Amino acid sequence: MMDDATLGGYLDRHERPPAFEGSDGRAYSVALYVDDAAGPDGRFGGALLFVRWTAAGDHPEGHLETDYLVYGATPGEAEVALRALSLWDVKAQLDAVIERHRAAPEW
């Protein structure tokens, strides 16, 4: 069993995704994303999807996602690598995508 200081360990122990307060003061939960099909190099990419919740916390109102953080020879291998991320690393990724989103021009 993984330590619950990792993403996978937390998911296993608590049977729900961890929640974080982002650097923007908003509440986010995190989900794993792994490609269904291999890329041109034959590997499957894995990323994190952060769901942003309303101030009341009663429903989602948007999301942010990382670039691919891990790759695996199979989808399962990519998922294992994502689940091994520490919660500190997950939080750092959240804050990085928030900053990237802030810096992006509005369309």
C-alpha atoms as a PDB file:
ATOM      1  CA  MET A   1       0.000   0.000   0.000  1.00  0.00           C
ATOM      2  CA  MET A   2       1.225   3.481  -0.831  1.00  0.00           C
ATOM      3  CA  ASP A   3       1.690   6.201   1.748  1.00  0.00           C
ATOM      4  CA  ASP A   4      -1.255   8.611   1.712  1.00  0.00           C
ATOM      5  CA  ALA A   5       1.240  11.428   1.078  1.00  0.00           C
ATOM      6  CA  THR A   6       1.181  10.229  -2.540  1.00  0.00           C
ATOM      7  CA  LEU A   7      -1.720  10.763  -4.894  1.00  0.00           C
ATOM      8  CA  GLY A   8      -2.357   7.040  -5.263  1.00  0.00           C
ATOM      9  CA  GLY A   9      -2.012   6.377  -1.566  1.00  0.00           C
ATOM     10  CA  TYR A  10      -4.488   9.139  -0.775  1.00  0.00           C
ATOM     11  CA  LEU A  11      -6.983   7.833  -3.336  1.00  0.00           C
ATOM     12  CA  ASP A  12      -6.690   4.306  -1.947  1.00  0.00           C
ATOM     13  CA  ARG A  13      -6.922   5.264   1.705  1.00  0.00           C
ATOM     14  CA  HIS A  14      -9.672   7.895   1.520  1.00  0.00           C
ATOM     15  CA  GLU A  15     -11.595   6.589  -1.523  1.00  0.00           C
ATOM     16  CA  ARG A  16     -11.982  10.117  -2.883  1.00  0.00           C
ATOM     17  CA  PRO A  17      -9.742  12.606  -4.648  1.00  0.00           C
ATOM     18  CA  PRO A  18      -7.686  15.010  -2.573  1.00  0.00           C
ATOM     19  CA  ALA A  19      -8.760  18.651  -2.509  1.00  0.00           C
ATOM     20  CA  PHE A  20      -6.466  21.659  -2.538  1.00  0.00           C
ATOM     21  CA  GLU A  21      -6.715  25.399  -2.175  1.00  0.00           C
ATOM     22  CA  GLY A  22      -5.046  26.876  -5.225  1.00  0.00           C
ATOM     23  CA  SER A  23      -2.831  29.947  -5.249  1.00  0.00           C
ATOM     24  CA  ASP A  24      -5.922  31.808  -6.524  1.00  0.00           C
ATOM     25  CA  GLY A  25      -7.800  30.995  -3.290  1.00  0.00           C
ATOM     26  CA  ARG A  26     -10.193  28.619  -5.069  1.00  0.00           C
ATOM     27  CA  ALA A  27     -10.969  24.996  -4.152  1.00  0.00           C
ATOM     28  CA  TYR A  28      -9.847  22.244  -6.533  1.00  0.00           C
ATOM     29  CA  SER A  29     -10.002  18.476  -6.608  1.00  0.00           C
ATOM     30  CA  VAL A  30      -7.696  16.413  -8.783  1.00  0.00           C
ATOM     31  CA  ALA A  31      -8.255  13.561 -11.214  1.00  0.00           C
ATOM     32  CA  LEU A  32      -5.884  11.434 -13.251  1.00  0.00           C
ATOM     33  CA  TYR A  33      -5.912  11.612 -17.033  1.00  0.00           C
ATOM     34  CA  VAL A  34      -4.216   8.946 -19.165  1.00  0.00           C
ATOM     35  CA  ASP A  35      -4.417   8.766 -22.953  1.00  0.00           C
ATOM     36  CA  ASP A  36      -6.562   5.994 -24.422  1.00  0.00           C
ATOM     37  CA  ALA A  37      -4.246   5.649 -27.419  1.00  0.00           C
ATOM     38  CA  ALA A  38      -0.483   5.683 -27.641  1.00  0.00           C
ATOM     39  CA  GLY A  39       1.257   8.676 -29.159  1.00  0.00           C
ATOM     40  CA  PRO A  40       3.494   8.482 -32.232  1.00  0.00           C
ATOM     41  CA  ASP A  41       6.335   7.273 -30.005  1.00  0.00           C
ATOM     42  CA  GLY A  42       4.227   4.355 -28.736  1.00  0.00           C
ATOM     43  CA  ARG A  43       3.897   5.748 -25.215  1.00  0.00           C
ATOM     44  CA  PHE A  44       0.788   6.740 -23.266  1.00  0.00           C
ATOM     45  CA  GLY A  45       0.818  10.199 -21.688  1.00  0.00           C
ATOM     46  CA  GLY A  46      -0.542  10.982 -18.242  1.00  0.00           C
ATOM     47  CA  ALA A  47      -1.604  14.343 -16.830  1.00  0.00           C
ATOM     48  CA  LEU A  48      -3.559  15.829 -13.938  1.00  0.00           C
ATOM     49  CA  LEU A  49      -6.997  17.398 -14.314  1.00  0.00           C
ATOM     50  CA  PHE A  50      -7.912  19.931 -11.626  1.00  0.00           C
ATOM     51  CA  VAL A  51     -11.639  20.535 -11.159  1.00  0.00           C
ATOM     52  CA  ARG A  52     -12.425  24.025  -9.805  1.00  0.00           C
ATOM     53  CA  TRP A  53     -15.414  24.192  -7.444  1.00  0.00           C
ATOM     54  CA  THR A  54     -17.833  27.037  -6.761  1.00  0.00           C
ATOM     55  CA  ALA A  55     -17.331  29.139  -3.639  1.00  0.00           C
ATOM     56  CA  ALA A  56     -20.171  27.152  -2.018  1.00  0.00           C
ATOM     57  CA  GLY A  57     -18.433  23.904  -3.016  1.00  0.00           C
ATOM     58  CA  ASP A  58     -21.659  22.426  -4.325  1.00  0.00           C
ATOM     59  CA  HIS A  59     -20.706  21.934  -7.981  1.00  0.00           C
ATOM     60  CA  PRO A  60     -17.782  22.250 -10.381  1.00  0.00           C
ATOM     61  CA  GLU A  61     -17.437  25.408 -12.435  1.00  0.00           C
ATOM     62  CA  GLY A  62     -14.338  24.815 -14.504  1.00  0.00           C
ATOM     63  CA  HIS A  63     -11.091  22.955 -14.777  1.00  0.00           C
ATOM     64  CA  LEU A  64      -7.383  23.291 -15.453  1.00  0.00           C
ATOM     65  CA  GLU A  65      -5.029  20.606 -16.675  1.00  0.00           C
ATOM     66  CA  THR A  66      -1.317  20.000 -16.721  1.00  0.00           C
ATOM     67  CA  ASP A  67       0.755  19.078 -19.715  1.00  0.00           C
ATOM     68  CA  TYR A  68       1.794  15.443 -19.787  1.00  0.00           C
ATOM     69  CA  LEU A  69       3.776  14.744 -16.631  1.00  0.00           C
ATOM     70  CA  VAL A  70       4.487  11.047 -17.134  1.00  0.00           C
ATOM     71  CA  TYR A  71       4.631   8.492 -19.925  1.00  0.00           C
ATOM     72  CA  GLY A  72       4.242   4.749 -19.885  1.00  0.00           C
ATOM     73  CA  ALA A  73       4.452   1.817 -22.260  1.00  0.00           C
ATOM     74  CA  THR A  74       0.827   1.063 -21.272  1.00  0.00           C
ATOM     75  CA  PRO A  75      -1.982   3.199 -19.845  1.00  0.00           C
ATOM     76  CA  GLY A  76      -1.584   1.311 -16.562  1.00  0.00           C
ATOM     77  CA  GLU A  77       2.103   2.155 -16.376  1.00  0.00           C
ATOM     78  CA  ALA A  78       1.337   5.855 -16.895  1.00  0.00           C
ATOM     79  CA  GLU A  79      -1.352   5.706 -14.193  1.00  0.00           C
ATOM     80  CA  VAL A  80       1.053   4.089 -11.730  1.00  0.00           C
ATOM     81  CA  ALA A  81       3.527   6.920 -12.346  1.00  0.00           C
ATOM     82  CA  LEU A  82       0.835   9.564 -11.734  1.00  0.00           C
ATOM     83  CA  ARG A  83      -0.305   7.821  -8.562  1.00  0.00           C
ATOM     84  CA  ALA A  84       3.293   7.880  -7.274  1.00  0.00           C
ATOM     85  CA  LEU A  85       3.380  11.708  -7.303  1.00  0.00           C
ATOM     86  CA  SER A  86       3.559  13.240  -3.845  1.00  0.00           C
ATOM     87  CA  LEU A  87       0.695  15.488  -2.795  1.00  0.00           C
ATOM     88  CA  TRP A  88       3.296  18.275  -2.546  1.00  0.00           C
ATOM     89  CA  ASP A  89       4.131  17.746  -6.225  1.00  0.00           C
ATOM     90  CA  VAL A  90       0.435  17.699  -7.137  1.00  0.00           C
ATOM     91  CA  LYS A  91      -0.111  21.012  -5.309  1.00  0.00           C
ATOM     92  CA  ALA A  92       2.922  22.525  -7.059  1.00  0.00           C
ATOM     93  CA  GLN A  93       1.469  21.435 -10.412  1.00  0.00           C
ATOM     94  CA  LEU A  94      -1.877  23.037  -9.511  1.00  0.00           C
ATOM     95  CA  ASP A  95      -0.252  26.351  -8.659  1.00  0.00           C
ATOM     96  CA  ALA A  96       1.826  26.210 -11.862  1.00  0.00           C
ATOM     97  CA  VAL A  97      -1.237  25.714 -14.089  1.00  0.00           C
ATOM     98  CA  ILE A  98      -3.085  28.499 -12.238  1.00  0.00           C
ATOM     99  CA  GLU A  99      -0.188  30.862 -12.961  1.00  0.00           C
ATOM    100  CA  ARG A 100      -0.016  29.726 -16.584  1.00  0.00           C
ATOM    101  CA  HIS A 101      -3.777  30.325 -16.912  1.00  0.00           C
ATOM    102  CA  ARG A 102      -3.451  33.821 -15.392  1.00  0.00           C
ATOM    103  CA  ALA A 103      -0.712  34.707 -17.870  1.00  0.00           C
ATOM    104  CA  ALA A 104      -2.674  33.452 -20.899  1.00  0.00           C
ATOM    105  CA  PRO A 105      -4.581  36.041 -22.931  1.00  0.00           C
ATOM    106  CA  GLU A 106      -8.368  35.979 -22.651  1.00  0.00           C
ATOM    107  CA  TRP A 107     -10.068  34.914 -25.877  1.00  0.00           C
END
